[in-house]
Amino acid sequence: MNKVSLTALVREHLESARAASSGRSAHTVYGGHEHSLRQTLIALTAGSDLDEHESPGEATLQVLHGRVQVTNAQAHWDGSSGDHIVIPPSRHGVHALEDSAVLLTVVKPVGPHV
């Protein structure tokens, strides 16, 4: 079993994001290429974006700190601390309305990629 303090990771990665020219910092909390489940903490400074990208598979976003907006061509979803957003299966982006940290959970098939 492994225990991680998300509160400490949020604090650490918000500091890193504030120091980065991109305004972002990320850390894989669980998973990797050998797992089907991957959880990544992403910290974004106010005004920073994760540019529009393809959906990685089934995914959710839990807002741990701050406020974010998830958008696609048809709609947008605002999230604040404590909110859980199901990521749309279409191209989408994320915009930080204020300094924010989210936990992205993605389920991907394991094995050789075709």
PDB file of N, CA and C in Angstrom:
ATOM      1  N   MET A   1       0.851  -1.183   0.000  1.00  0.00           N
ATOM      2  CA  MET A   1       0.000   0.000   0.000  1.00  0.00           C
ATOM      3  C   MET A   1       0.891   1.239   0.000  1.00  0.00           C
ATOM      4  N   ASN A   2       0.415   2.273  -0.654  1.00  0.00           N
ATOM      5  CA  ASN A   2       1.167   3.519  -0.743  1.00  0.00           C
ATOM      6  C   ASN A   2       0.242   4.676  -0.387  1.00  0.00           C
ATOM      7  N   LYS A   3       0.691   5.548   0.479  1.00  0.00           N
ATOM      8  CA  LYS A   3      -0.096   6.711   0.891  1.00  0.00           C
ATOM      9  C   LYS A   3       0.591   7.979   0.410  1.00  0.00           C
ATOM     10  N   VAL A   4      -0.195   8.879  -0.163  1.00  0.00           N
ATOM     11  CA  VAL A   4       0.326  10.145  -0.682  1.00  0.00           C
ATOM     12  C   VAL A   4      -0.554  11.274  -0.159  1.00  0.00           C
ATOM     13  N   SER A   5       0.050  12.354   0.268  1.00  0.00           N
ATOM     14  CA  SER A   5      -0.710  13.529   0.689  1.00  0.00           C
ATOM     15  C   SER A   5      -0.984  14.401  -0.530  1.00  0.00           C
ATOM     16  N   LEU A   6      -2.237  14.412  -0.982  1.00  0.00           N
ATOM     17  CA  LEU A   6      -2.593  15.274  -2.114  1.00  0.00           C
ATOM     18  C   LEU A   6      -2.470  16.745  -1.725  1.00  0.00           C
ATOM     19  N   THR A   7      -2.742  17.049  -0.474  1.00  0.00           N
ATOM     20  CA  THR A   7      -2.621  18.435   0.002  1.00  0.00           C
ATOM     21  C   THR A   7      -1.181  18.930  -0.150  1.00  0.00           C
ATOM     22  N   ALA A   8      -0.218  18.092   0.241  1.00  0.00           N
ATOM     23  CA  ALA A   8       1.195  18.473   0.118  1.00  0.00           C
ATOM     24  C   ALA A   8       1.596  18.572  -1.346  1.00  0.00           C
ATOM     25  N   LEU A   9       1.119  17.628  -2.183  1.00  0.00           N
ATOM     26  CA  LEU A   9       1.442  17.682  -3.615  1.00  0.00           C
ATOM     27  C   LEU A   9       0.861  18.931  -4.268  1.00  0.00           C
ATOM     28  N   VAL A  10      -0.352  19.314  -3.885  1.00  0.00           N
ATOM     29  CA  VAL A  10      -0.954  20.542  -4.430  1.00  0.00           C
ATOM     30  C   VAL A  10      -0.073  21.735  -4.093  1.00  0.00           C
ATOM     31  N   ARG A  11       0.305  21.844  -2.847  1.00  0.00           N
ATOM     32  CA  ARG A  11       1.153  22.977  -2.404  1.00  0.00           C
ATOM     33  C   ARG A  11       2.467  22.993  -3.185  1.00  0.00           C
ATOM     34  N   GLU A  12       3.132  21.836  -3.273  1.00  0.00           N
ATOM     35  CA  GLU A  12       4.423  21.725  -3.957  1.00  0.00           C
ATOM     36  C   GLU A  12       4.314  22.062  -5.444  1.00  0.00           C
ATOM     37  N   HIS A  13       3.293  21.537  -6.103  1.00  0.00           N
ATOM     38  CA  HIS A  13       3.200  21.736  -7.546  1.00  0.00           C
ATOM     39  C   HIS A  13       2.624  23.094  -7.930  1.00  0.00           C
ATOM     40  N   LEU A  14       1.845  23.708  -7.058  1.00  0.00           N
ATOM     41  CA  LEU A  14       1.452  25.090  -7.332  1.00  0.00           C
ATOM     42  C   LEU A  14       2.678  25.998  -7.267  1.00  0.00           C
ATOM     43  N   GLU A  15       3.580  25.742  -6.324  1.00  0.00           N
ATOM     44  CA  GLU A  15       4.835  26.504  -6.269  1.00  0.00           C
ATOM     45  C   GLU A  15       5.639  26.310  -7.551  1.00  0.00           C
ATOM     46  N   SER A  16       5.748  25.063  -7.992  1.00  0.00           N
ATOM     47  CA  SER A  16       6.490  24.764  -9.225  1.00  0.00           C
ATOM     48  C   SER A  16       5.838  25.422 -10.435  1.00  0.00           C
ATOM     49  N   ALA A  17       4.510  25.393 -10.492  1.00  0.00           N
ATOM     50  CA  ALA A  17       3.797  26.007 -11.618  1.00  0.00           C
ATOM     51  C   ALA A  17       4.025  27.512 -11.648  1.00  0.00           C
ATOM     52  N   ARG A  18       4.037  28.125 -10.474  1.00  0.00           N
ATOM     53  CA  ARG A  18       4.266  29.581 -10.402  1.00  0.00           C
ATOM     54  C   ARG A  18       5.669  29.949 -10.871  1.00  0.00           C
ATOM     55  N   ALA A  19       6.629  29.043 -10.701  1.00  0.00           N
ATOM     56  CA  ALA A  19       8.006  29.297 -11.119  1.00  0.00           C
ATOM     57  C   ALA A  19       8.252  28.925 -12.585  1.00  0.00           C
ATOM     58  N   ALA A  20       7.348  28.155 -13.196  1.00  0.00           N
ATOM     59  CA  ALA A  20       7.534  27.679 -14.574  1.00  0.00           C
ATOM     60  C   ALA A  20       6.984  28.691 -15.580  1.00  0.00           C
ATOM     61  N   SER A  21       7.677  28.860 -16.691  1.00  0.00           N
ATOM     62  CA  SER A  21       7.207  29.799 -17.724  1.00  0.00           C
ATOM     63  C   SER A  21       5.874  29.341 -18.323  1.00  0.00           C
ATOM     64  N   SER A  22       5.614  28.046 -18.313  1.00  0.00           N
ATOM     65  CA  SER A  22       4.355  27.515 -18.857  1.00  0.00           C
ATOM     66  C   SER A  22       3.195  27.713 -17.898  1.00  0.00           C
ATOM     67  N   GLY A  23       3.493  27.972 -16.610  1.00  0.00           N
ATOM     68  CA  GLY A  23       2.439  28.108 -15.617  1.00  0.00           C
ATOM     69  C   GLY A  23       1.831  26.770 -15.222  1.00  0.00           C
ATOM     70  N   ARG A  24       2.569  25.667 -15.482  1.00  0.00           N
ATOM     71  CA  ARG A  24       2.036  24.329 -15.211  1.00  0.00           C
ATOM     72  C   ARG A  24       3.075  23.472 -14.500  1.00  0.00           C
ATOM     73  N   SER A  25       2.565  22.494 -13.771  1.00  0.00           N
ATOM     74  CA  SER A  25       3.409  21.463 -13.177  1.00  0.00           C
ATOM     75  C   SER A  25       2.541  20.221 -13.023  1.00  0.00           C
ATOM     76  N   ALA A  26       3.134  19.044 -13.223  1.00  0.00           N
ATOM     77  CA  ALA A  26       2.356  17.808 -13.129  1.00  0.00           C
ATOM     78  C   ALA A  26       3.179  16.717 -12.464  1.00  0.00           C
ATOM     79  N   HIS A  27       2.458  15.759 -11.865  1.00  0.00           N
ATOM     80  CA  HIS A  27       3.104  14.643 -11.183  1.00  0.00           C
ATOM     81  C   HIS A  27       2.180  13.426 -11.271  1.00  0.00           C
ATOM     82  N   THR A  28       2.714  12.292 -11.741  1.00  0.00           N
ATOM     83  CA  THR A  28       1.927  11.063 -11.760  1.00  0.00           C
ATOM     84  C   THR A  28       1.844  10.544 -10.337  1.00  0.00           C
ATOM     85  N   VAL A  29       0.627  10.498  -9.798  1.00  0.00           N
ATOM     86  CA  VAL A  29       0.387  10.042  -8.438  1.00  0.00           C
ATOM     87  C   VAL A  29       0.345   8.517  -8.412  1.00  0.00           C
ATOM     88  N   TYR A  30      -0.288   7.936  -9.426  1.00  0.00           N
ATOM     89  CA  TYR A  30      -0.399   6.486  -9.511  1.00  0.00           C
ATOM     90  C   TYR A  30      -0.434   6.077 -10.978  1.00  0.00           C
ATOM     91  N   GLY A  31       0.159   4.932 -11.259  1.00  0.00           N
ATOM     92  CA  GLY A  31       0.065   4.359 -12.595  1.00  0.00           C
ATOM     93  C   GLY A  31       1.285   4.644 -13.427  1.00  0.00           C
ATOM     94  N   GLY A  32       1.118   4.430 -14.682  1.00  0.00           N
ATOM     95  CA  GLY A  32       2.205   4.555 -15.635  1.00  0.00           C
ATOM     96  C   GLY A  32       1.899   3.646 -16.802  1.00  0.00           C
ATOM     97  N   HIS A  33       2.871   3.402 -17.632  1.00  0.00           N
ATOM     98  CA  HIS A  33       2.652   2.621 -18.845  1.00  0.00           C
ATOM     99  C   HIS A  33       2.229   1.183 -18.565  1.00  0.00           C
ATOM    100  N   GLU A  34       2.623   0.637 -17.419  1.00  0.00           N
ATOM    101  CA  GLU A  34       2.303  -0.754 -17.116  1.00  0.00           C
ATOM    102  C   GLU A  34       0.940  -0.917 -16.433  1.00  0.00           C
ATOM    103  N   HIS A  35       0.227   0.169 -16.180  1.00  0.00           N
ATOM    104  CA  HIS A  35      -1.073   0.132 -15.514  1.00  0.00           C
ATOM    105  C   HIS A  35      -2.173   0.640 -16.443  1.00  0.00           C
ATOM    106  N   SER A  36      -3.392   0.162 -16.221  1.00  0.00           N
ATOM    107  CA  SER A  36      -4.512   0.691 -16.996  1.00  0.00           C
ATOM    108  C   SER A  36      -5.072   1.955 -16.351  1.00  0.00           C
ATOM    109  N   LEU A  37      -4.849   2.140 -15.049  1.00  0.00           N
ATOM    110  CA  LEU A  37      -5.306   3.331 -14.343  1.00  0.00           C
ATOM    111  C   LEU A  37      -4.132   4.270 -14.140  1.00  0.00           C
ATOM    112  N   ARG A  38      -4.343   5.534 -14.477  1.00  0.00           N
ATOM    113  CA  ARG A  38      -3.305   6.548 -14.242  1.00  0.00           C
ATOM    114  C   ARG A  38      -3.962   7.761 -13.601  1.00  0.00           C
ATOM    115  N   GLN A  39      -3.335   8.250 -12.518  1.00  0.00           N
ATOM    116  CA  GLN A  39      -3.817   9.451 -11.859  1.00  0.00           C
ATOM    117  C   GLN A  39      -2.677  10.462 -11.830  1.00  0.00           C
ATOM    118  N   THR A  40      -2.972  11.649 -12.340  1.00  0.00           N
ATOM    119  CA  THR A  40      -1.960  12.697 -12.453  1.00  0.00           C
ATOM    120  C   THR A  40      -2.463  13.968 -11.799  1.00  0.00           C
ATOM    121  N   LEU A  41      -1.656  14.521 -10.903  1.00  0.00           N
ATOM    122  CA  LEU A  41      -1.968  15.815 -10.325  1.00  0.00           C
ATOM    123  C   LEU A  41      -1.410  16.873 -11.276  1.00  0.00           C
ATOM    124  N   ILE A  42      -2.245  17.832 -11.656  1.00  0.00           N
ATOM    125  CA  ILE A  42      -1.834  18.913 -12.552  1.00  0.00           C
ATOM    126  C   ILE A  42      -2.111  20.239 -11.849  1.00  0.00           C
ATOM    127  N   ALA A  43      -1.080  21.060 -11.720  1.00  0.00           N
ATOM    128  CA  ALA A  43      -1.225  22.394 -11.138  1.00  0.00           C
ATOM    129  C   ALA A  43      -1.102  23.419 -12.262  1.00  0.00           C
ATOM    130  N   LEU A  44      -1.988  24.405 -12.236  1.00  0.00           N
ATOM    131  CA  LEU A  44      -2.026  25.459 -13.258  1.00  0.00           C
ATOM    132  C   LEU A  44      -2.167  26.813 -12.573  1.00  0.00           C
ATOM    133  N   THR A  45      -1.389  27.793 -13.024  1.00  0.00           N
ATOM    134  CA  THR A  45      -1.564  29.144 -12.498  1.00  0.00           C
ATOM    135  C   THR A  45      -2.753  29.798 -13.205  1.00  0.00           C
ATOM    136  N   ALA A  46      -3.294  30.821 -12.578  1.00  0.00           N
ATOM    137  CA  ALA A  46      -4.445  31.533 -13.141  1.00  0.00           C
ATOM    138  C   ALA A  46      -4.154  31.964 -14.571  1.00  0.00           C
ATOM    139  N   GLY A  47      -5.077  31.670 -15.473  1.00  0.00           N
ATOM    140  CA  GLY A  47      -4.921  32.049 -16.875  1.00  0.00           C
ATOM    141  C   GLY A  47      -4.206  31.019 -17.728  1.00  0.00           C
ATOM    142  N   SER A  48      -3.610  29.999 -17.102  1.00  0.00           N
ATOM    143  CA  SER A  48      -2.908  28.959 -17.859  1.00  0.00           C
ATOM    144  C   SER A  48      -3.897  27.971 -18.466  1.00  0.00           C
ATOM    145  N   ASP A  49      -3.434  27.289 -19.513  1.00  0.00           N
ATOM    146  CA  ASP A  49      -4.297  26.354 -20.224  1.00  0.00           C
ATOM    147  C   ASP A  49      -3.608  25.021 -20.465  1.00  0.00           C
ATOM    148  N   LEU A  50      -4.417  23.991 -20.570  1.00  0.00           N
ATOM    149  CA  LEU A  50      -4.027  22.751 -21.228  1.00  0.00           C
ATOM    150  C   LEU A  50      -4.736  22.851 -22.562  1.00  0.00           C
ATOM    151  N   ASP A  51      -3.979  23.120 -23.611  1.00  0.00           N
ATOM    152  CA  ASP A  51      -4.582  23.348 -24.921  1.00  0.00           C
ATOM    153  C   ASP A  51      -5.466  22.180 -25.332  1.00  0.00           C
ATOM    154  N   GLU A  52      -6.375  22.451 -26.248  1.00  0.00           N
ATOM    155  CA  GLU A  52      -7.294  21.438 -26.729  1.00  0.00           C
ATOM    156  C   GLU A  52      -6.526  20.201 -27.189  1.00  0.00           C
ATOM    157  N   HIS A  53      -7.026  19.037 -26.784  1.00  0.00           N
ATOM    158  CA  HIS A  53      -6.366  17.770 -27.114  1.00  0.00           C
ATOM    159  C   HIS A  53      -7.416  16.659 -27.189  1.00  0.00           C
ATOM    160  N   GLU A  54      -7.033  15.544 -27.761  1.00  0.00           N
ATOM    161  CA  GLU A  54      -7.932  14.398 -27.857  1.00  0.00           C
ATOM    162  C   GLU A  54      -8.166  13.806 -26.476  1.00  0.00           C
ATOM    163  N   SER A  55      -9.316  13.197 -26.309  1.00  0.00           N
ATOM    164  CA  SER A  55      -9.614  12.517 -25.058  1.00  0.00           C
ATOM    165  C   SER A  55      -8.738  11.276 -24.952  1.00  0.00           C
ATOM    166  N   PRO A  56      -8.122  11.058 -23.785  1.00  0.00           N
ATOM    167  CA  PRO A  56      -7.207   9.928 -23.618  1.00  0.00           C
ATOM    168  C   PRO A  56      -7.921   8.600 -23.369  1.00  0.00           C
ATOM    169  N   GLY A  57      -9.232   8.580 -23.381  1.00  0.00           N
ATOM    170  CA  GLY A  57     -10.019   7.413 -22.991  1.00  0.00           C
ATOM    171  C   GLY A  57     -10.951   7.857 -21.882  1.00  0.00           C
ATOM    172  N   GLU A  58     -11.503   6.902 -21.146  1.00  0.00           N
ATOM    173  CA  GLU A  58     -12.369   7.287 -20.035  1.00  0.00           C
ATOM    174  C   GLU A  58     -11.551   8.090 -19.039  1.00  0.00           C
ATOM    175  N   ALA A  59     -12.077   9.261 -18.651  1.00  0.00           N
ATOM    176  CA  ALA A  59     -11.305  10.126 -17.764  1.00  0.00           C
ATOM    177  C   ALA A  59     -12.224  11.009 -16.930  1.00  0.00           C
ATOM    178  N   THR A  60     -11.728  11.338 -15.739  1.00  0.00           N
ATOM    179  CA  THR A  60     -12.417  12.284 -14.872  1.00  0.00           C
ATOM    180  C   THR A  60     -11.410  13.296 -14.343  1.00  0.00           C
ATOM    181  N   LEU A  61     -11.932  14.425 -13.915  1.00  0.00           N
ATOM    182  CA  LEU A  61     -11.104  15.488 -13.355  1.00  0.00           C
ATOM    183  C   LEU A  61     -11.711  15.875 -12.013  1.00  0.00           C
ATOM    184  N   GLN A  62     -10.935  15.756 -10.943  1.00  0.00           N
ATOM    185  CA  GLN A  62     -11.382  16.192  -9.627  1.00  0.00           C
ATOM    186  C   GLN A  62     -10.636  17.469  -9.297  1.00  0.00           C
ATOM    187  N   VAL A  63     -11.374  18.531  -9.013  1.00  0.00           N
ATOM    188  CA  VAL A  63     -10.745  19.811  -8.680  1.00  0.00           C
ATOM    189  C   VAL A  63     -10.370  19.779  -7.196  1.00  0.00           C
ATOM    190  N   LEU A  64      -9.066  19.858  -6.936  1.00  0.00           N
ATOM    191  CA  LEU A  64      -8.560  19.822  -5.560  1.00  0.00           C
ATOM    192  C   LEU A  64      -8.409  21.218  -4.974  1.00  0.00           C
ATOM    193  N   HIS A  65      -8.139  22.201  -5.831  1.00  0.00           N
ATOM    194  CA  HIS A  65      -7.886  23.571  -5.378  1.00  0.00           C
ATOM    195  C   HIS A  65      -8.203  24.519  -6.528  1.00  0.00           C
ATOM    196  N   GLY A  66      -8.838  25.641  -6.231  1.00  0.00           N
ATOM    197  CA  GLY A  66      -9.067  26.659  -7.253  1.00  0.00           C
ATOM    198  C   GLY A  66     -10.311  26.430  -8.090  1.00  0.00           C
ATOM    199  N   ARG A  67     -10.282  27.026  -9.284  1.00  0.00           N
ATOM    200  CA  ARG A  67     -11.414  26.938 -10.227  1.00  0.00           C
ATOM    201  C   ARG A  67     -10.876  26.740 -11.635  1.00  0.00           C
ATOM    202  N   VAL A  68     -11.479  25.811 -12.372  1.00  0.00           N
ATOM    203  CA  VAL A  68     -11.085  25.533 -13.749  1.00  0.00           C
ATOM    204  C   VAL A  68     -12.317  25.481 -14.635  1.00  0.00           C
ATOM    205  N   GLN A  69     -12.063  25.555 -15.926  1.00  0.00           N
ATOM    206  CA  GLN A  69     -13.134  25.398 -16.914  1.00  0.00           C
ATOM    207  C   GLN A  69     -12.665  24.384 -17.944  1.00  0.00           C
ATOM    208  N   VAL A  70     -13.488  23.344 -18.151  1.00  0.00           N
ATOM    209  CA  VAL A  70     -13.242  22.338 -19.180  1.00  0.00           C
ATOM    210  C   VAL A  70     -14.144  22.693 -20.352  1.00  0.00           C
ATOM    211  N   THR A  71     -13.566  22.752 -21.567  1.00  0.00           N
ATOM    212  CA  THR A  71     -14.349  23.152 -22.733  1.00  0.00           C
ATOM    213  C   THR A  71     -14.180  22.149 -23.873  1.00  0.00           C
ATOM    214  N   ASN A  72     -15.220  22.040 -24.685  1.00  0.00           N
ATOM    215  CA  ASN A  72     -15.103  21.376 -25.980  1.00  0.00           C
ATOM    216  C   ASN A  72     -15.884  22.224 -26.968  1.00  0.00           C
ATOM    217  N   ALA A  73     -16.045  21.756 -28.189  1.00  0.00           N
ATOM    218  CA  ALA A  73     -16.681  22.568 -29.229  1.00  0.00           C
ATOM    219  C   ALA A  73     -18.145  22.876 -28.914  1.00  0.00           C
ATOM    220  N   GLN A  74     -18.784  22.045 -28.102  1.00  0.00           N
ATOM    221  CA  GLN A  74     -20.213  22.215 -27.840  1.00  0.00           C
ATOM    222  C   GLN A  74     -20.556  22.896 -26.515  1.00  0.00           C
ATOM    223  N   ALA A  75     -19.685  22.783 -25.506  1.00  0.00           N
ATOM    224  CA  ALA A  75     -20.077  23.253 -24.175  1.00  0.00           C
ATOM    225  C   ALA A  75     -18.850  23.541 -23.315  1.00  0.00           C
ATOM    226  N   HIS A  76     -19.126  24.017 -22.095  1.00  0.00           N
ATOM    227  CA  HIS A  76     -18.065  24.165 -21.098  1.00  0.00           C
ATOM    228  C   HIS A  76     -18.626  23.795 -19.727  1.00  0.00           C
ATOM    229  N   TRP A  77     -17.736  23.365 -18.856  1.00  0.00           N
ATOM    230  CA  TRP A  77     -18.098  22.963 -17.509  1.00  0.00           C
ATOM    231  C   TRP A  77     -17.152  23.664 -16.557  1.00  0.00           C
ATOM    232  N   ASP A  78     -17.711  24.410 -15.599  1.00  0.00           N
ATOM    233  CA  ASP A  78     -16.910  25.075 -14.583  1.00  0.00           C
ATOM    234  C   ASP A  78     -16.804  24.164 -13.374  1.00  0.00           C
ATOM    235  N   GLY A  79     -15.611  24.101 -12.798  1.00  0.00           N
ATOM    236  CA  GLY A  79     -15.410  23.292 -11.606  1.00  0.00           C
ATOM    237  C   GLY A  79     -14.615  24.056 -10.571  1.00  0.00           C
ATOM    238  N   SER A  80     -14.994  23.861  -9.297  1.00  0.00           N
ATOM    239  CA  SER A  80     -14.250  24.454  -8.194  1.00  0.00           C
ATOM    240  C   SER A  80     -13.926  23.364  -7.186  1.00  0.00           C
ATOM    241  N   SER A  81     -13.138  23.706  -6.180  1.00  0.00           N
ATOM    242  CA  SER A  81     -12.663  22.718  -5.205  1.00  0.00           C
ATOM    243  C   SER A  81     -13.791  21.780  -4.780  1.00  0.00           C
ATOM    244  N   GLY A  82     -13.498  20.489  -4.880  1.00  0.00           N
ATOM    245  CA  GLY A  82     -14.469  19.470  -4.497  1.00  0.00           C
ATOM    246  C   GLY A  82     -15.313  18.954  -5.650  1.00  0.00           C
ATOM    247  N   ASP A  83     -15.282  19.627  -6.805  1.00  0.00           N
ATOM    248  CA  ASP A  83     -16.088  19.185  -7.949  1.00  0.00           C
ATOM    249  C   ASP A  83     -15.404  18.052  -8.699  1.00  0.00           C
ATOM    250  N   HIS A  84     -16.228  17.203  -9.281  1.00  0.00           N
ATOM    251  CA  HIS A  84     -15.780  16.041 -10.056  1.00  0.00           C
ATOM    252  C   HIS A  84     -16.405  16.181 -11.443  1.00  0.00           C
ATOM    253  N   ILE A  85     -15.588  16.228 -12.481  1.00  0.00           N
ATOM    254  CA  ILE A  85     -16.061  16.443 -13.850  1.00  0.00           C
ATOM    255  C   ILE A  85     -15.701  15.229 -14.698  1.00  0.00           C
ATOM    256  N   VAL A  86     -16.676  14.682 -15.409  1.00  0.00           N
ATOM    257  CA  VAL A  86     -16.403  13.607 -16.359  1.00  0.00           C
ATOM    258  C   VAL A  86     -15.906  14.265 -17.639  1.00  0.00           C
ATOM    259  N   ILE A  87     -14.712  13.867 -18.092  1.00  0.00           N
ATOM    260  CA  ILE A  87     -14.110  14.455 -19.286  1.00  0.00           C
ATOM    261  C   ILE A  87     -14.880  13.986 -20.521  1.00  0.00           C
ATOM    262  N   PRO A  88     -15.240  14.908 -21.410  1.00  0.00           N
ATOM    263  CA  PRO A  88     -15.970  14.504 -22.614  1.00  0.00           C
ATOM    264  C   PRO A  88     -15.093  13.627 -23.511  1.00  0.00           C
ATOM    265  N   PRO A  89     -15.708  12.697 -24.257  1.00  0.00           N
ATOM    266  CA  PRO A  89     -14.930  11.815 -25.125  1.00  0.00           C
ATOM    267  C   PRO A  89     -14.446  12.497 -26.408  1.00  0.00           C
ATOM    268  N   SER A  90     -14.642  13.791 -26.512  1.00  0.00           N
ATOM    269  CA  SER A  90     -14.228  14.559 -27.693  1.00  0.00           C
ATOM    270  C   SER A  90     -13.027  15.437 -27.344  1.00  0.00           C
ATOM    271  N   ARG A  91     -12.494  16.138 -28.350  1.00  0.00           N
ATOM    272  CA  ARG A  91     -11.394  17.085 -28.103  1.00  0.00           C
ATOM    273  C   ARG A  91     -11.852  18.095 -27.053  1.00  0.00           C
ATOM    274  N   HIS A  92     -10.949  18.444 -26.158  1.00  0.00           N
ATOM    275  CA  HIS A  92     -11.299  19.354 -25.071  1.00  0.00           C
ATOM    276  C   HIS A  92     -10.038  20.054 -24.568  1.00  0.00           C
ATOM    277  N   GLY A  93     -10.251  21.104 -23.798  1.00  0.00           N
ATOM    278  CA  GLY A  93      -9.157  21.831 -23.178  1.00  0.00           C
ATOM    279  C   GLY A  93      -9.526  22.179 -21.748  1.00  0.00           C
ATOM    280  N   VAL A  94      -8.534  22.638 -20.980  1.00  0.00           N
ATOM    281  CA  VAL A  94      -8.757  23.038 -19.594  1.00  0.00           C
ATOM    282  C   VAL A  94      -8.132  24.415 -19.401  1.00  0.00           C
ATOM    283  N   HIS A  95      -8.874  25.304 -18.767  1.00  0.00           N
ATOM    284  CA  HIS A  95      -8.407  26.663 -18.497  1.00  0.00           C
ATOM    285  C   HIS A  95      -8.501  26.915 -16.990  1.00  0.00           C
ATOM    286  N   ALA A  96      -7.436  27.418 -16.388  1.00  0.00           N
ATOM    287  CA  ALA A  96      -7.438  27.754 -14.959  1.00  0.00           C
ATOM    288  C   ALA A  96      -7.983  29.161 -14.776  1.00  0.00           C
ATOM    289  N   LEU A  97      -9.102  29.280 -14.094  1.00  0.00           N
ATOM    290  CA  LEU A  97      -9.699  30.582 -13.810  1.00  0.00           C
ATOM    291  C   LEU A  97      -8.966  31.281 -12.663  1.00  0.00           C
ATOM    292  N   GLU A  98      -8.312  30.486 -11.821  1.00  0.00           N
ATOM    293  CA  GLU A  98      -7.441  30.978 -10.753  1.00  0.00           C
ATOM    294  C   GLU A  98      -6.399  29.899 -10.515  1.00  0.00           C
ATOM    295  N   ASP A  99      -5.394  30.159  -9.674  1.00  0.00           N
ATOM    296  CA  ASP A  99      -4.405  29.119  -9.385  1.00  0.00           C
ATOM    297  C   ASP A  99      -5.165  27.869  -8.956  1.00  0.00           C
ATOM    298  N   SER A 100      -4.873  26.750  -9.616  1.00  0.00           N
ATOM    299  CA  SER A 100      -5.681  25.549  -9.434  1.00  0.00           C
ATOM    300  C   SER A 100      -4.840  24.291  -9.462  1.00  0.00           C
ATOM    301  N   ALA A 101      -5.390  23.232  -8.874  1.00  0.00           N
ATOM    302  CA  ALA A 101      -4.795  21.905  -8.956  1.00  0.00           C
ATOM    303  C   ALA A 101      -5.923  20.905  -9.143  1.00  0.00           C
ATOM    304  N   VAL A 102      -5.719  19.982 -10.057  1.00  0.00           N
ATOM    305  CA  VAL A 102      -6.725  18.968 -10.361  1.00  0.00           C
ATOM    306  C   VAL A 102      -6.078  17.589 -10.336  1.00  0.00           C
ATOM    307  N   LEU A 103      -6.905  16.575 -10.112  1.00  0.00           N
ATOM    308  CA  LEU A 103      -6.448  15.196 -10.186  1.00  0.00           C
ATOM    309  C   LEU A 103      -7.133  14.571 -11.397  1.00  0.00           C
ATOM    310  N   LEU A 104      -6.347  14.292 -12.423  1.00  0.00           N
ATOM    311  CA  LEU A 104      -6.845  13.669 -13.650  1.00  0.00           C
ATOM    312  C   LEU A 104      -6.731  12.162 -13.495  1.00  0.00           C
ATOM    313  N   THR A 105      -7.834  11.453 -13.669  1.00  0.00           N
ATOM    314  CA  THR A 105      -7.847   9.989 -13.612  1.00  0.00           C
ATOM    315  C   THR A 105      -8.229   9.474 -14.989  1.00  0.00           C
ATOM    316  N   VAL A 106      -7.376   8.614 -15.546  1.00  0.00           N
ATOM    317  CA  VAL A 106      -7.579   8.077 -16.894  1.00  0.00           C
ATOM    318  C   VAL A 106      -7.464   6.559 -16.841  1.00  0.00           C
ATOM    319  N   VAL A 107      -8.363   5.890 -17.556  1.00  0.00           N
ATOM    320  CA  VAL A 107      -8.276   4.441 -17.709  1.00  0.00           C
ATOM    321  C   VAL A 107      -7.918   4.164 -19.158  1.00  0.00           C
ATOM    322  N   LYS A 108      -6.798   3.455 -19.343  1.00  0.00           N
ATOM    323  CA  LYS A 108      -6.329   3.123 -20.698  1.00  0.00           C
ATOM    324  C   LYS A 108      -6.091   1.628 -20.773  1.00  0.00           C
ATOM    325  N   PRO A 109      -6.237   1.053 -21.960  1.00  0.00           N
ATOM    326  CA  PRO A 109      -5.933  -0.367 -22.082  1.00  0.00           C
ATOM    327  C   PRO A 109      -4.438  -0.616 -21.864  1.00  0.00           C
ATOM    328  N   VAL A 110      -4.141  -1.759 -21.263  1.00  0.00           N
ATOM    329  CA  VAL A 110      -2.744  -2.154 -21.031  1.00  0.00           C
ATOM    330  C   VAL A 110      -2.317  -3.063 -22.170  1.00  0.00           C
ATOM    331  N   GLY A 111      -1.064  -2.987 -22.528  1.00  0.00           N
ATOM    332  CA  GLY A 111      -0.540  -3.881 -23.558  1.00  0.00           C
ATOM    333  C   GLY A 111       0.027  -3.118 -24.725  1.00  0.00           C
ATOM    334  N   PRO A 112       0.433  -3.857 -25.748  1.00  0.00           N
ATOM    335  CA  PRO A 112       1.048  -3.211 -26.921  1.00  0.00           C
ATOM    336  C   PRO A 112       0.040  -2.288 -27.615  1.00  0.00           C
ATOM    337  N   HIS A 113       0.538  -1.141 -28.015  1.00  0.00           N
ATOM    338  CA  HIS A 113      -0.315  -0.178 -28.744  1.00  0.00           C
ATOM    339  C   HIS A 113      -0.186  -0.446 -30.227  1.00  0.00           C
ATOM    340  N   VAL A 114      -1.322  -0.386 -30.891  1.00  0.00           N
ATOM    341  CA  VAL A 114      -1.342  -0.655 -32.321  1.00  0.00           C
ATOM    342  C   VAL A 114      -1.269   0.603 -33.118  1.00  0.00           C
TER     343      VAL A 114
END
